[in-house]
């Protein structure tokens, strides 16, 4: 089992995506991955 599933990150992403205003935003929400690197995290959402 990977850590994302263990920490229920997938469920958090699904909840986030459920509130998305468009299909494109929903896709971006579901593509998010956790990161310990702030710059990497910020670049993934811009």
C-alpha atoms as a PDB file:
ATOM      1  CA  UNK A   1       0.000   0.000   0.000  1.00  0.00           C
ATOM      2  CA  UNK A   2       1.444   3.389  -0.899  1.00  0.00           C
ATOM      3  CA  UNK A   3       1.562   6.219   1.603  1.00  0.00           C
ATOM      4  CA  UNK A   4      -0.938   8.364  -0.322  1.00  0.00           C
ATOM      5  CA  UNK A   5      -3.609   5.718   0.172  1.00  0.00           C
ATOM      6  CA  UNK A   6      -2.582   5.087   3.774  1.00  0.00           C
ATOM      7  CA  UNK A   7      -2.919   8.774   4.593  1.00  0.00           C
ATOM      8  CA  UNK A   8      -6.181   8.931   2.623  1.00  0.00           C
ATOM      9  CA  UNK A   9      -4.717  11.603   0.360  1.00  0.00           C
ATOM     10  CA  UNK A  10      -6.760  10.104  -2.478  1.00  0.00           C
ATOM     11  CA  UNK A  11      -9.972  10.761  -0.536  1.00  0.00           C
ATOM     12  CA  UNK A  12      -8.935  14.351   0.132  1.00  0.00           C
ATOM     13  CA  UNK A  13      -8.278  14.869  -3.577  1.00  0.00           C
ATOM     14  CA  UNK A  14     -11.683  13.409  -4.441  1.00  0.00           C
ATOM     15  CA  UNK A  15     -13.379  15.813  -2.012  1.00  0.00           C
ATOM     16  CA  UNK A  16     -11.447  18.724  -3.506  1.00  0.00           C
ATOM     17  CA  UNK A  17     -12.314  17.644  -7.054  1.00  0.00           C
ATOM     18  CA  UNK A  18     -15.993  17.308  -6.133  1.00  0.00           C
ATOM     19  CA  UNK A  19     -16.005  21.060  -5.455  1.00  0.00           C
ATOM     20  CA  UNK A  20     -14.279  21.999  -8.709  1.00  0.00           C
ATOM     21  CA  UNK A  21     -16.183  24.383 -10.972  1.00  0.00           C
ATOM     22  CA  UNK A  22     -15.144  22.727 -14.246  1.00  0.00           C
ATOM     23  CA  UNK A  23     -13.901  19.442 -15.638  1.00  0.00           C
ATOM     24  CA  UNK A  24     -10.486  20.972 -16.320  1.00  0.00           C
ATOM     25  CA  UNK A  25     -10.090  22.072 -12.704  1.00  0.00           C
ATOM     26  CA  UNK A  26     -11.305  18.687 -11.475  1.00  0.00           C
ATOM     27  CA  UNK A  27      -8.596  17.017 -13.560  1.00  0.00           C
ATOM     28  CA  UNK A  28      -5.949  19.333 -12.088  1.00  0.00           C
ATOM     29  CA  UNK A  29      -7.159  18.611  -8.555  1.00  0.00           C
ATOM     30  CA  UNK A  30      -6.913  14.865  -9.061  1.00  0.00           C
ATOM     31  CA  UNK A  31      -3.391  15.233 -10.492  1.00  0.00           C
ATOM     32  CA  UNK A  32      -1.991  16.892  -7.352  1.00  0.00           C
ATOM     33  CA  UNK A  33       0.713  15.036  -5.453  1.00  0.00           C
ATOM     34  CA  UNK A  34       2.141  15.766  -2.003  1.00  0.00           C
ATOM     35  CA  UNK A  35       5.561  17.382  -1.815  1.00  0.00           C
ATOM     36  CA  UNK A  36       7.933  18.417   0.935  1.00  0.00           C
ATOM     37  CA  UNK A  37       9.551  20.948  -1.391  1.00  0.00           C
ATOM     38  CA  UNK A  38       7.676  24.284  -1.265  1.00  0.00           C
ATOM     39  CA  UNK A  39       8.901  25.517  -4.663  1.00  0.00           C
ATOM     40  CA  UNK A  40       7.914  22.243  -6.312  1.00  0.00           C
ATOM     41  CA  UNK A  41       4.482  22.377  -4.710  1.00  0.00           C
ATOM     42  CA  UNK A  42       3.866  25.950  -5.785  1.00  0.00           C
ATOM     43  CA  UNK A  43       4.976  25.272  -9.345  1.00  0.00           C
ATOM     44  CA  UNK A  44       2.566  22.336  -9.600  1.00  0.00           C
ATOM     45  CA  UNK A  45      -0.451  24.583  -8.927  1.00  0.00           C
ATOM     46  CA  UNK A  46       0.494  27.541 -11.090  1.00  0.00           C
END
